[in-house]
Amino acid sequence: MNNKLLIIDDSESIVEVLSLLFEEEPFVLTRKVPTKSVSQAVYAIEEDAPNIILLDHNLDSGTGLEVLDKINRNVTVLSTSISVMSSLQLTNAYREKGVKHFSGKNFKDIKKCLDGNCGCI
């Protein structure tokens, strides 16, 4: 069974690279477009019903924390934000919302998290 993966990032180049990374993996990408706002992210999550979300912290109008506050769904969330990696306070805020994986923008680390071979938890 394939896992439905949603990329929430406002950078078109990051979305393109991640889309290519998972093109031949056992994942189904639900969207291949940048997500610019909290409301777009929440809409995409509700419409696509992903099992896994790659979530950036800084969106054009809001943050990944705001997205997590507005969704009502049990999904695996990986934080791909560099700012979360460099701030213990921000990392703890994500942990309080159930995020267990902090891969940053390192695409090899993202794959390790998804394969269950990371040390995030």
PDB file of N, CA and C in Angstrom:
ATOM      1  N   MET A   1       0.836  -1.187   0.000  1.00  0.00           N
ATOM      2  CA  MET A   1       0.000   0.000   0.000  1.00  0.00           C
ATOM      3  C   MET A   1       0.876   1.243   0.000  1.00  0.00           C
ATOM      4  N   ASN A   2       0.616   2.153  -0.885  1.00  0.00           N
ATOM      5  CA  ASN A   2       1.395   3.375  -0.986  1.00  0.00           C
ATOM      6  C   ASN A   2       0.969   4.388   0.059  1.00  0.00           C
ATOM      7  N   ASN A   3       1.942   5.147   0.540  1.00  0.00           N
ATOM      8  CA  ASN A   3       1.663   6.236   1.466  1.00  0.00           C
ATOM      9  C   ASN A   3       1.455   7.514   0.678  1.00  0.00           C
ATOM     10  N   LYS A   4       0.434   8.256   1.044  1.00  0.00           N
ATOM     11  CA  LYS A   4       0.160   9.547   0.405  1.00  0.00           C
ATOM     12  C   LYS A   4       0.994  10.615   1.102  1.00  0.00           C
ATOM     13  N   LEU A   5       1.815  11.301   0.314  1.00  0.00           N
ATOM     14  CA  LEU A   5       2.756  12.273   0.830  1.00  0.00           C
ATOM     15  C   LEU A   5       2.403  13.659   0.311  1.00  0.00           C
ATOM     16  N   LEU A   6       2.329  14.623   1.219  1.00  0.00           N
ATOM     17  CA  LEU A   6       2.037  16.010   0.867  1.00  0.00           C
ATOM     18  C   LEU A   6       3.215  16.880   1.271  1.00  0.00           C
ATOM     19  N   ILE A   7       3.707  17.684   0.325  1.00  0.00           N
ATOM     20  CA  ILE A   7       4.794  18.620   0.581  1.00  0.00           C
ATOM     21  C   ILE A   7       4.183  19.996   0.828  1.00  0.00           C
ATOM     22  N   ILE A   8       4.465  20.567   1.995  1.00  0.00           N
ATOM     23  CA  ILE A   8       4.002  21.924   2.291  1.00  0.00           C
ATOM     24  C   ILE A   8       5.237  22.801   2.427  1.00  0.00           C
ATOM     25  N   ASP A   9       5.519  23.524   1.368  1.00  0.00           N
ATOM     26  CA  ASP A   9       6.669  24.422   1.308  1.00  0.00           C
ATOM     27  C   ASP A   9       6.338  25.528   0.325  1.00  0.00           C
ATOM     28  N   ASP A  10       6.745  26.764   0.627  1.00  0.00           N
ATOM     29  CA  ASP A  10       6.430  27.873  -0.261  1.00  0.00           C
ATOM     30  C   ASP A  10       7.460  28.068  -1.368  1.00  0.00           C
ATOM     31  N   SER A  11       8.529  27.297  -1.351  1.00  0.00           N
ATOM     32  CA  SER A  11       9.574  27.412  -2.361  1.00  0.00           C
ATOM     33  C   SER A  11       9.322  26.439  -3.518  1.00  0.00           C
ATOM     34  N   GLU A  12       9.165  26.987  -4.703  1.00  0.00           N
ATOM     35  CA  GLU A  12       8.923  26.146  -5.875  1.00  0.00           C
ATOM     36  C   GLU A  12      10.095  25.196  -6.120  1.00  0.00           C
ATOM     37  N   SER A  13      11.318  25.660  -5.931  1.00  0.00           N
ATOM     38  CA  SER A  13      12.475  24.800  -6.186  1.00  0.00           C
ATOM     39  C   SER A  13      12.550  23.638  -5.183  1.00  0.00           C
ATOM     40  N   ILE A  14      12.213  23.881  -3.927  1.00  0.00           N
ATOM     41  CA  ILE A  14      12.201  22.801  -2.929  1.00  0.00           C
ATOM     42  C   ILE A  14      11.128  21.780  -3.284  1.00  0.00           C
ATOM     43  N   VAL A  15       9.956  22.237  -3.649  1.00  0.00           N
ATOM     44  CA  VAL A  15       8.872  21.326  -4.034  1.00  0.00           C
ATOM     45  C   VAL A  15       9.293  20.489  -5.246  1.00  0.00           C
ATOM     46  N   GLU A  16       9.938  21.116  -6.221  1.00  0.00           N
ATOM     47  CA  GLU A  16      10.390  20.388  -7.412  1.00  0.00           C
ATOM     48  C   GLU A  16      11.405  19.315  -7.052  1.00  0.00           C
ATOM     49  N   VAL A  17      12.399  19.662  -6.229  1.00  0.00           N
ATOM     50  CA  VAL A  17      13.428  18.700  -5.848  1.00  0.00           C
ATOM     51  C   VAL A  17      12.821  17.542  -5.050  1.00  0.00           C
ATOM     52  N   LEU A  18      11.967  17.854  -4.086  1.00  0.00           N
ATOM     53  CA  LEU A  18      11.332  16.793  -3.298  1.00  0.00           C
ATOM     54  C   LEU A  18      10.441  15.918  -4.169  1.00  0.00           C
ATOM     55  N   SER A  19       9.756  16.519  -5.111  1.00  0.00           N
ATOM     56  CA  SER A  19       8.919  15.745  -6.029  1.00  0.00           C
ATOM     57  C   SER A  19       9.764  14.762  -6.829  1.00  0.00           C
ATOM     58  N   LEU A  20      10.910  15.212  -7.296  1.00  0.00           N
ATOM     59  CA  LEU A  20      11.816  14.321  -8.041  1.00  0.00           C
ATOM     60  C   LEU A  20      12.366  13.224  -7.137  1.00  0.00           C
ATOM     61  N   LEU A  21      12.671  13.574  -5.900  1.00  0.00           N
ATOM     62  CA  LEU A  21      13.218  12.615  -4.952  1.00  0.00           C
ATOM     63  C   LEU A  21      12.253  11.454  -4.708  1.00  0.00           C
ATOM     64  N   PHE A  22      10.974  11.747  -4.676  1.00  0.00           N
ATOM     65  CA  PHE A  22       9.983  10.716  -4.361  1.00  0.00           C
ATOM     66  C   PHE A  22       9.236  10.195  -5.583  1.00  0.00           C
ATOM     67  N   GLU A  23       9.699  10.556  -6.768  1.00  0.00           N
ATOM     68  CA  GLU A  23       9.035  10.136  -7.997  1.00  0.00           C
ATOM     69  C   GLU A  23       9.001   8.617  -8.159  1.00  0.00           C
ATOM     70  N   GLU A  24      10.081   7.939  -7.781  1.00  0.00           N
ATOM     71  CA  GLU A  24      10.161   6.491  -7.966  1.00  0.00           C
ATOM     72  C   GLU A  24      10.100   5.737  -6.646  1.00  0.00           C
ATOM     73  N   GLU A  25       9.660   6.367  -5.624  1.00  0.00           N
ATOM     74  CA  GLU A  25       9.547   5.741  -4.310  1.00  0.00           C
ATOM     75  C   GLU A  25       8.138   5.161  -4.135  1.00  0.00           C
ATOM     76  N   PRO A  26       7.945   4.405  -3.087  1.00  0.00           N
ATOM     77  CA  PRO A  26       6.596   3.863  -2.851  1.00  0.00           C
ATOM     78  C   PRO A  26       5.660   4.875  -2.195  1.00  0.00           C
ATOM     79  N   PHE A  27       5.752   6.119  -2.640  1.00  0.00           N
ATOM     80  CA  PHE A  27       4.900   7.179  -2.130  1.00  0.00           C
ATOM     81  C   PHE A  27       4.088   7.763  -3.268  1.00  0.00           C
ATOM     82  N   VAL A  28       2.895   8.214  -2.950  1.00  0.00           N
ATOM     83  CA  VAL A  28       2.077   8.925  -3.920  1.00  0.00           C
ATOM     84  C   VAL A  28       2.077  10.388  -3.515  1.00  0.00           C
ATOM     85  N   LEU A  29       2.682  11.240  -4.341  1.00  0.00           N
ATOM     86  CA  LEU A  29       2.673  12.677  -4.059  1.00  0.00           C
ATOM     87  C   LEU A  29       1.299  13.221  -4.391  1.00  0.00           C
ATOM     88  N   THR A  30       0.699  13.916  -3.452  1.00  0.00           N
ATOM     89  CA  THR A  30      -0.656  14.404  -3.679  1.00  0.00           C
ATOM     90  C   THR A  30      -0.678  15.724  -4.429  1.00  0.00           C
ATOM     91  N   ARG A  31       0.386  16.526  -4.312  1.00  0.00           N
ATOM     92  CA  ARG A  31       0.470  17.815  -5.009  1.00  0.00           C
ATOM     93  C   ARG A  31       1.917  18.095  -5.336  1.00  0.00           C
ATOM     94  N   LYS A  32       2.130  18.834  -6.401  1.00  0.00           N
ATOM     95  CA  LYS A  32       3.487  19.213  -6.791  1.00  0.00           C
ATOM     96  C   LYS A  32       3.561  20.720  -7.020  1.00  0.00           C
ATOM     97  N   VAL A  33       2.887  21.476  -6.155  1.00  0.00           N
ATOM     98  CA  VAL A  33       2.882  22.936  -6.267  1.00  0.00           C
ATOM     99  C   VAL A  33       3.234  23.528  -4.904  1.00  0.00           C
ATOM    100  N   PRO A  34       3.886  24.696  -4.901  1.00  0.00           N
ATOM    101  CA  PRO A  34       4.199  25.345  -3.620  1.00  0.00           C
ATOM    102  C   PRO A  34       2.931  25.723  -2.860  1.00  0.00           C
ATOM    103  N   THR A  35       3.014  25.664  -1.551  1.00  0.00           N
ATOM    104  CA  THR A  35       1.922  26.071  -0.679  1.00  0.00           C
ATOM    105  C   THR A  35       2.359  27.356  -0.002  1.00  0.00           C
ATOM    106  N   LYS A  36       1.662  28.430  -0.286  1.00  0.00           N
ATOM    107  CA  LYS A  36       2.099  29.751   0.157  1.00  0.00           C
ATOM    108  C   LYS A  36       1.519  30.212   1.488  1.00  0.00           C
ATOM    109  N   SER A  37       0.382  29.670   1.898  1.00  0.00           N
ATOM    110  CA  SER A  37      -0.279  30.184   3.098  1.00  0.00           C
ATOM    111  C   SER A  37      -0.774  29.059   3.987  1.00  0.00           C
ATOM    112  N   VAL A  38      -1.088  29.427   5.219  1.00  0.00           N
ATOM    113  CA  VAL A  38      -1.657  28.474   6.170  1.00  0.00           C
ATOM    114  C   VAL A  38      -2.979  27.931   5.636  1.00  0.00           C
ATOM    115  N   SER A  39      -3.828  28.804   5.097  1.00  0.00           N
ATOM    116  CA  SER A  39      -5.126  28.346   4.598  1.00  0.00           C
ATOM    117  C   SER A  39      -4.967  27.394   3.407  1.00  0.00           C
ATOM    118  N   GLN A  40      -4.010  27.648   2.511  1.00  0.00           N
ATOM    119  CA  GLN A  40      -3.753  26.717   1.412  1.00  0.00           C
ATOM    120  C   GLN A  40      -3.273  25.372   1.944  1.00  0.00           C
ATOM    121  N   ALA A  41      -2.413  25.402   2.958  1.00  0.00           N
ATOM    122  CA  ALA A  41      -1.895  24.168   3.547  1.00  0.00           C
ATOM    123  C   ALA A  41      -3.011  23.353   4.192  1.00  0.00           C
ATOM    124  N   VAL A  42      -3.854  24.014   4.970  1.00  0.00           N
ATOM    125  CA  VAL A  42      -4.966  23.323   5.639  1.00  0.00           C
ATOM    126  C   VAL A  42      -5.918  22.733   4.594  1.00  0.00           C
ATOM    127  N   TYR A  43      -6.222  23.498   3.564  1.00  0.00           N
ATOM    128  CA  TYR A  43      -7.087  23.011   2.485  1.00  0.00           C
ATOM    129  C   TYR A  43      -6.472  21.776   1.822  1.00  0.00           C
ATOM    130  N   ALA A  44      -5.182  21.832   1.515  1.00  0.00           N
ATOM    131  CA  ALA A  44      -4.520  20.700   0.868  1.00  0.00           C
ATOM    132  C   ALA A  44      -4.550  19.456   1.755  1.00  0.00           C
ATOM    133  N   ILE A  45      -4.339  19.637   3.042  1.00  0.00           N
ATOM    134  CA  ILE A  45      -4.358  18.499   3.971  1.00  0.00           C
ATOM    135  C   ILE A  45      -5.752  17.889   4.034  1.00  0.00           C
ATOM    136  N   GLU A  46      -6.763  18.716   4.148  1.00  0.00           N
ATOM    137  CA  GLU A  46      -8.138  18.206   4.223  1.00  0.00           C
ATOM    138  C   GLU A  46      -8.576  17.540   2.914  1.00  0.00           C
ATOM    139  N   GLU A  47      -8.203  18.121   1.782  1.00  0.00           N
ATOM    140  CA  GLU A  47      -8.603  17.575   0.478  1.00  0.00           C
ATOM    141  C   GLU A  47      -7.828  16.312   0.110  1.00  0.00           C
ATOM    142  N   ASP A  48      -6.529  16.297   0.370  1.00  0.00           N
ATOM    143  CA  ASP A  48      -5.676  15.200  -0.081  1.00  0.00           C
ATOM    144  C   ASP A  48      -5.611  14.037   0.902  1.00  0.00           C
ATOM    145  N   ALA A  49      -5.918  14.287   2.164  1.00  0.00           N
ATOM    146  CA  ALA A  49      -5.877  13.266   3.218  1.00  0.00           C
ATOM    147  C   ALA A  49      -4.566  12.472   3.197  1.00  0.00           C
ATOM    148  N   PRO A  50      -3.423  13.175   3.347  1.00  0.00           N
ATOM    149  CA  PRO A  50      -2.134  12.479   3.296  1.00  0.00           C
ATOM    150  C   PRO A  50      -1.864  11.680   4.568  1.00  0.00           C
ATOM    151  N   ASN A  51      -1.002  10.674   4.445  1.00  0.00           N
ATOM    152  CA  ASN A  51      -0.507   9.929   5.607  1.00  0.00           C
ATOM    153  C   ASN A  51       0.734  10.610   6.178  1.00  0.00           C
ATOM    154  N   ILE A  52       1.477  11.298   5.274  1.00  0.00           N
ATOM    155  CA  ILE A  52       2.746  11.917   5.634  1.00  0.00           C
ATOM    156  C   ILE A  52       2.776  13.340   5.087  1.00  0.00           C
ATOM    157  N   ILE A  53       3.250  14.273   5.915  1.00  0.00           N
ATOM    158  CA  ILE A  53       3.394  15.661   5.482  1.00  0.00           C
ATOM    159  C   ILE A  53       4.841  16.088   5.696  1.00  0.00           C
ATOM    160  N   LEU A  54       5.456  16.634   4.652  1.00  0.00           N
ATOM    161  CA  LEU A  54       6.755  17.289   4.777  1.00  0.00           C
ATOM    162  C   LEU A  54       6.444  18.767   4.965  1.00  0.00           C
ATOM    163  N   LEU A  55       6.675  19.282   6.159  1.00  0.00           N
ATOM    164  CA  LEU A  55       6.187  20.602   6.540  1.00  0.00           C
ATOM    165  C   LEU A  55       7.316  21.590   6.786  1.00  0.00           C
ATOM    166  N   ASP A  56       7.295  22.688   6.057  1.00  0.00           N
ATOM    167  CA  ASP A  56       8.225  23.787   6.275  1.00  0.00           C
ATOM    168  C   ASP A  56       7.657  24.686   7.370  1.00  0.00           C
ATOM    169  N   HIS A  57       8.532  25.383   8.074  1.00  0.00           N
ATOM    170  CA  HIS A  57       8.049  26.287   9.126  1.00  0.00           C
ATOM    171  C   HIS A  57       7.594  27.624   8.556  1.00  0.00           C
ATOM    172  N   ASN A  58       8.435  28.237   7.737  1.00  0.00           N
ATOM    173  CA  ASN A  58       8.130  29.573   7.230  1.00  0.00           C
ATOM    174  C   ASN A  58       7.392  29.503   5.898  1.00  0.00           C
ATOM    175  N   LEU A  59       6.122  29.876   5.932  1.00  0.00           N
ATOM    176  CA  LEU A  59       5.333  30.010   4.716  1.00  0.00           C
ATOM    177  C   LEU A  59       5.191  31.506   4.445  1.00  0.00           C
ATOM    178  N   ASP A  60       4.741  31.856   3.258  1.00  0.00           N
ATOM    179  CA  ASP A  60       4.613  33.283   2.931  1.00  0.00           C
ATOM    180  C   ASP A  60       3.721  34.022   3.928  1.00  0.00           C
ATOM    181  N   SER A  61       2.663  33.377   4.377  1.00  0.00           N
ATOM    182  CA  SER A  61       1.757  34.032   5.322  1.00  0.00           C
ATOM    183  C   SER A  61       1.424  33.091   6.471  1.00  0.00           C
ATOM    184  N   GLY A  62       2.406  32.866   7.319  1.00  0.00           N
ATOM    185  CA  GLY A  62       2.167  32.026   8.478  1.00  0.00           C
ATOM    186  C   GLY A  62       3.280  31.014   8.688  1.00  0.00           C
ATOM    187  N   THR A  63       3.018  30.074   9.615  1.00  0.00           N
ATOM    188  CA  THR A  63       4.036  29.083   9.966  1.00  0.00           C
ATOM    189  C   THR A  63       3.456  27.673   9.983  1.00  0.00           C
ATOM    190  N   GLY A  64       4.361  26.721   9.983  1.00  0.00           N
ATOM    191  CA  GLY A  64       3.961  25.327  10.103  1.00  0.00           C
ATOM    192  C   GLY A  64       3.232  25.048  11.409  1.00  0.00           C
ATOM    193  N   LEU A  65       3.604  25.752  12.470  1.00  0.00           N
ATOM    194  CA  LEU A  65       2.902  25.586  13.751  1.00  0.00           C
ATOM    195  C   LEU A  65       1.434  25.985  13.615  1.00  0.00           C
ATOM    196  N   GLU A  66       1.176  27.062  12.875  1.00  0.00           N
ATOM    197  CA  GLU A  66      -0.213  27.487  12.655  1.00  0.00           C
ATOM    198  C   GLU A  66      -0.980  26.439  11.854  1.00  0.00           C
ATOM    199  N   VAL A  67      -0.312  25.829  10.901  1.00  0.00           N
ATOM    200  CA  VAL A  67      -0.949  24.760  10.124  1.00  0.00           C
ATOM    201  C   VAL A  67      -1.344  23.619  11.054  1.00  0.00           C
ATOM    202  N   LEU A  68      -0.433  23.207  11.917  1.00  0.00           N
ATOM    203  CA  LEU A  68      -0.714  22.105  12.839  1.00  0.00           C
ATOM    204  C   LEU A  68      -1.842  22.442  13.801  1.00  0.00           C
ATOM    205  N   ASP A  69      -1.953  23.724  14.176  1.00  0.00           N
ATOM    206  CA  ASP A  69      -3.051  24.145  15.056  1.00  0.00           C
ATOM    207  C   ASP A  69      -4.416  24.005  14.385  1.00  0.00           C
ATOM    208  N   LYS A  70      -4.456  24.088  13.064  1.00  0.00           N
ATOM    209  CA  LYS A  70      -5.729  24.132  12.347  1.00  0.00           C
ATOM    210  C   LYS A  70      -6.175  22.790  11.765  1.00  0.00           C
ATOM    211  N   ILE A  71      -5.293  21.789  11.754  1.00  0.00           N
ATOM    212  CA  ILE A  71      -5.708  20.511  11.178  1.00  0.00           C
ATOM    213  C   ILE A  71      -6.220  19.594  12.282  1.00  0.00           C
ATOM    214  N   ASN A  72      -7.080  18.722  11.888  1.00  0.00           N
ATOM    215  CA  ASN A  72      -7.655  17.772  12.823  1.00  0.00           C
ATOM    216  C   ASN A  72      -7.516  16.380  12.217  1.00  0.00           C
ATOM    217  N   ARG A  73      -6.282  15.946  12.071  1.00  0.00           N
ATOM    218  CA  ARG A  73      -6.012  14.708  11.355  1.00  0.00           C
ATOM    219  C   ARG A  73      -4.775  14.054  11.962  1.00  0.00           C
ATOM    220  N   ASN A  74      -4.779  12.745  12.028  1.00  0.00           N
ATOM    221  CA  ASN A  74      -3.641  12.002  12.539  1.00  0.00           C
ATOM    222  C   ASN A  74      -2.725  11.642  11.373  1.00  0.00           C
ATOM    223  N   VAL A  75      -1.616  12.348  11.245  1.00  0.00           N
ATOM    224  CA  VAL A  75      -0.658  12.112  10.166  1.00  0.00           C
ATOM    225  C   VAL A  75       0.756  12.148  10.739  1.00  0.00           C
ATOM    226  N   THR A  76       1.683  11.541  10.015  1.00  0.00           N
ATOM    227  CA  THR A  76       3.091  11.650  10.351  1.00  0.00           C
ATOM    228  C   THR A  76       3.605  12.934   9.733  1.00  0.00           C
ATOM    229  N   VAL A  77       4.204  13.787  10.539  1.00  0.00           N
ATOM    230  CA  VAL A  77       4.712  15.071  10.058  1.00  0.00           C
ATOM    231  C   VAL A  77       6.227  15.091  10.221  1.00  0.00           C
ATOM    232  N   LEU A  78       6.919  15.455   9.147  1.00  0.00           N
ATOM    233  CA  LEU A  78       8.352  15.676   9.189  1.00  0.00           C
ATOM    234  C   LEU A  78       8.591  17.156   9.008  1.00  0.00           C
ATOM    235  N   SER A  79       9.338  17.757   9.919  1.00  0.00           N
ATOM    236  CA  SER A  79       9.682  19.162   9.766  1.00  0.00           C
ATOM    237  C   SER A  79      10.885  19.262   8.845  1.00  0.00           C
ATOM    238  N   THR A  80      10.729  20.000   7.762  1.00  0.00           N
ATOM    239  CA  THR A  80      11.836  20.183   6.826  1.00  0.00           C
ATOM    240  C   THR A  80      12.441  21.576   6.953  1.00  0.00           C
ATOM    241  N   SER A  81      12.149  22.251   8.031  1.00  0.00           N
ATOM    242  CA  SER A  81      12.584  23.636   8.197  1.00  0.00           C
ATOM    243  C   SER A  81      13.946  23.721   8.869  1.00  0.00           C
ATOM    244  N   ILE A  82      14.829  24.502   8.296  1.00  0.00           N
ATOM    245  CA  ILE A  82      16.144  24.744   8.888  1.00  0.00           C
ATOM    246  C   ILE A  82      15.995  25.493  10.214  1.00  0.00           C
ATOM    247  N   SER A  83      15.052  26.440  10.292  1.00  0.00           N
ATOM    248  CA  SER A  83      14.890  27.239  11.505  1.00  0.00           C
ATOM    249  C   SER A  83      14.493  26.382  12.696  1.00  0.00           C
ATOM    250  N   VAL A  84      13.730  25.324  12.463  1.00  0.00           N
ATOM    251  CA  VAL A  84      13.354  24.429  13.554  1.00  0.00           C
ATOM    252  C   VAL A  84      14.584  23.684  14.057  1.00  0.00           C
ATOM    253  N   MET A  85      15.468  23.328  13.133  1.00  0.00           N
ATOM    254  CA  MET A  85      16.667  22.592  13.510  1.00  0.00           C
ATOM    255  C   MET A  85      17.597  23.443  14.377  1.00  0.00           C
ATOM    256  N   SER A  86      17.579  24.749  14.205  1.00  0.00           N
ATOM    257  CA  SER A  86      18.536  25.595  14.912  1.00  0.00           C
ATOM    258  C   SER A  86      17.971  26.209  16.194  1.00  0.00           C
ATOM    259  N   SER A  87      16.738  25.946  16.516  1.00  0.00           N
ATOM    260  CA  SER A  87      16.134  26.536  17.698  1.00  0.00           C
ATOM    261  C   SER A  87      15.488  25.456  18.564  1.00  0.00           C
ATOM    262  N   LEU A  88      16.039  25.250  19.736  1.00  0.00           N
ATOM    263  CA  LEU A  88      15.491  24.258  20.652  1.00  0.00           C
ATOM    264  C   LEU A  88      14.060  24.613  21.043  1.00  0.00           C
ATOM    265  N   GLN A  89      13.791  25.905  21.249  1.00  0.00           N
ATOM    266  CA  GLN A  89      12.449  26.346  21.627  1.00  0.00           C
ATOM    267  C   GLN A  89      11.442  26.011  20.523  1.00  0.00           C
ATOM    268  N   LEU A  90      11.807  26.271  19.281  1.00  0.00           N
ATOM    269  CA  LEU A  90      10.921  25.983  18.163  1.00  0.00           C
ATOM    270  C   LEU A  90      10.753  24.479  17.968  1.00  0.00           C
ATOM    271  N   THR A  91      11.844  23.737  18.106  1.00  0.00           N
ATOM    272  CA  THR A  91      11.766  22.278  18.008  1.00  0.00           C
ATOM    273  C   THR A  91      10.816  21.735  19.065  1.00  0.00           C
ATOM    274  N   ASN A  92      10.926  22.224  20.287  1.00  0.00           N
ATOM    275  CA  ASN A  92      10.035  21.769  21.365  1.00  0.00           C
ATOM    276  C   ASN A  92       8.579  22.127  21.081  1.00  0.00           C
ATOM    277  N   ALA A  93       8.335  23.288  20.467  1.00  0.00           N
ATOM    278  CA  ALA A  93       6.966  23.668  20.112  1.00  0.00           C
ATOM    279  C   ALA A  93       6.388  22.671  19.107  1.00  0.00           C
ATOM    280  N   TYR A  94       7.202  22.237  18.147  1.00  0.00           N
ATOM    281  CA  TYR A  94       6.739  21.226  17.185  1.00  0.00           C
ATOM    282  C   TYR A  94       6.533  19.875  17.872  1.00  0.00           C
ATOM    283  N   ARG A  95       7.437  19.513  18.757  1.00  0.00           N
ATOM    284  CA  ARG A  95       7.276  18.242  19.489  1.00  0.00           C
ATOM    285  C   ARG A  95       5.969  18.230  20.281  1.00  0.00           C
ATOM    286  N   GLU A  96       5.612  19.357  20.890  1.00  0.00           N
ATOM    287  CA  GLU A  96       4.357  19.448  21.641  1.00  0.00           C
ATOM    288  C   GLU A  96       3.144  19.215  20.746  1.00  0.00           C
ATOM    289  N   LYS A  97       3.296  19.478  19.466  1.00  0.00           N
ATOM    290  CA  LYS A  97       2.192  19.276  18.520  1.00  0.00           C
ATOM    291  C   LYS A  97       2.271  17.907  17.844  1.00  0.00           C
ATOM    292  N   GLY A  98       3.189  17.065  18.312  1.00  0.00           N
ATOM    293  CA  GLY A  98       3.256  15.694  17.825  1.00  0.00           C
ATOM    294  C   GLY A  98       4.275  15.411  16.739  1.00  0.00           C
ATOM    295  N   VAL A  99       5.054  16.413  16.344  1.00  0.00           N
ATOM    296  CA  VAL A  99       6.079  16.190  15.318  1.00  0.00           C
ATOM    297  C   VAL A  99       7.264  15.477  15.967  1.00  0.00           C
ATOM    298  N   LYS A 100       7.668  14.360  15.362  1.00  0.00           N
ATOM    299  CA  LYS A 100       8.750  13.562  15.916  1.00  0.00           C
ATOM    300  C   LYS A 100       9.987  13.550  15.027  1.00  0.00           C
ATOM    301  N   HIS A 101       9.870  14.013  13.801  1.00  0.00           N
ATOM    302  CA  HIS A 101      10.964  13.948  12.845  1.00  0.00           C
ATOM    303  C   HIS A 101      11.383  15.352  12.416  1.00  0.00           C
ATOM    304  N   PHE A 102      12.696  15.601  12.458  1.00  0.00           N
ATOM    305  CA  PHE A 102      13.254  16.912  12.126  1.00  0.00           C
ATOM    306  C   PHE A 102      14.408  16.734  11.145  1.00  0.00           C
ATOM    307  N   SER A 103      14.064  16.497   9.912  1.00  0.00           N
ATOM    308  CA  SER A 103      15.064  16.194   8.887  1.00  0.00           C
ATOM    309  C   SER A 103      15.734  17.433   8.312  1.00  0.00           C
ATOM    310  N   GLY A 104      15.164  18.598   8.489  1.00  0.00           N
ATOM    311  CA  GLY A 104      15.691  19.793   7.848  1.00  0.00           C
ATOM    312  C   GLY A 104      15.576  19.663   6.337  1.00  0.00           C
ATOM    313  N   LYS A 105      16.410  20.380   5.617  1.00  0.00           N
ATOM    314  CA  LYS A 105      16.373  20.337   4.150  1.00  0.00           C
ATOM    315  C   LYS A 105      17.310  19.266   3.595  1.00  0.00           C
ATOM    316  N   ASN A 106      17.886  18.439   4.468  1.00  0.00           N
ATOM    317  CA  ASN A 106      18.776  17.374   4.028  1.00  0.00           C
ATOM    318  C   ASN A 106      17.930  16.222   3.485  1.00  0.00           C
ATOM    319  N   PHE A 107      17.932  16.077   2.185  1.00  0.00           N
ATOM    320  CA  PHE A 107      17.032  15.126   1.545  1.00  0.00           C
ATOM    321  C   PHE A 107      17.359  13.671   1.893  1.00  0.00           C
ATOM    322  N   LYS A 108      18.619  13.382   2.184  1.00  0.00           N
ATOM    323  CA  LYS A 108      18.970  12.026   2.632  1.00  0.00           C
ATOM    324  C   LYS A 108      18.339  11.758   4.001  1.00  0.00           C
ATOM    325  N   ASP A 109      18.339  12.780   4.867  1.00  0.00           N
ATOM    326  CA  ASP A 109      17.729  12.612   6.183  1.00  0.00           C
ATOM    327  C   ASP A 109      16.216  12.437   6.084  1.00  0.00           C
ATOM    328  N   ILE A 110      15.594  13.107   5.134  1.00  0.00           N
ATOM    329  CA  ILE A 110      14.151  12.926   4.923  1.00  0.00           C
ATOM    330  C   ILE A 110      13.865  11.462   4.599  1.00  0.00           C
ATOM    331  N   LYS A 111      14.644  10.895   3.701  1.00  0.00           N
ATOM    332  CA  LYS A 111      14.448   9.488   3.333  1.00  0.00           C
ATOM    333  C   LYS A 111      14.682   8.570   4.535  1.00  0.00           C
ATOM    334  N   LYS A 112      15.703   8.871   5.354  1.00  0.00           N
ATOM    335  CA  LYS A 112      15.958   8.065   6.546  1.00  0.00           C
ATOM    336  C   LYS A 112      14.753   8.106   7.485  1.00  0.00           C
ATOM    337  N   CYS A 113      14.188   9.283   7.679  1.00  0.00           N
ATOM    338  CA  CYS A 113      13.004   9.419   8.542  1.00  0.00           C
ATOM    339  C   CYS A 113      11.844   8.590   7.996  1.00  0.00           C
ATOM    340  N   LEU A 114      11.612   8.688   6.709  1.00  0.00           N
ATOM    341  CA  LEU A 114      10.503   7.966   6.109  1.00  0.00           C
ATOM    342  C   LEU A 114      10.713   6.463   6.123  1.00  0.00           C
ATOM    343  N   ASP A 115      11.987   6.046   6.086  1.00  0.00           N
ATOM    344  CA  ASP A 115      12.304   4.622   6.141  1.00  0.00           C
ATOM    345  C   ASP A 115      12.372   4.103   7.574  1.00  0.00           C
ATOM    346  N   GLY A 116      12.269   5.004   8.553  1.00  0.00           N
ATOM    347  CA  GLY A 116      12.344   4.607   9.958  1.00  0.00           C
ATOM    348  C   GLY A 116      13.771   4.378  10.422  1.00  0.00           C
ATOM    349  N   ASN A 117      14.756   4.922   9.703  1.00  0.00           N
ATOM    350  CA  ASN A 117      16.165   4.724  10.042  1.00  0.00           C
ATOM    351  C   ASN A 117      16.812   6.020  10.547  1.00  0.00           C
ATOM    352  N   CYS A 118      16.075   6.803  11.305  1.00  0.00           N
ATOM    353  CA  CYS A 118      16.605   8.075  11.790  1.00  0.00           C
ATOM    354  C   CYS A 118      16.727   8.032  13.308  1.00  0.00           C
ATOM    355  N   GLY A 119      17.323   9.035  13.844  1.00  0.00           N
ATOM    356  CA  GLY A 119      17.457   9.129  15.297  1.00  0.00           C
ATOM    357  C   GLY A 119      16.639  10.293  15.858  1.00  0.00           C
ATOM    358  N   CYS A 120      15.593  10.677  15.161  1.00  0.00           N
ATOM    359  CA  CYS A 120      14.819  11.859  15.554  1.00  0.00           C
ATOM    360  C   CYS A 120      14.005  11.657  16.826  1.00  0.00           C
ATOM    361  N   ILE A 121      13.441  10.499  16.985  1.00  0.00           N
ATOM    362  CA  ILE A 121      12.482  10.295  18.066  1.00  0.00           C
ATOM    363  C   ILE A 121      13.172  10.189  19.414  1.00  0.00           C
TER     364      ILE A 121
END
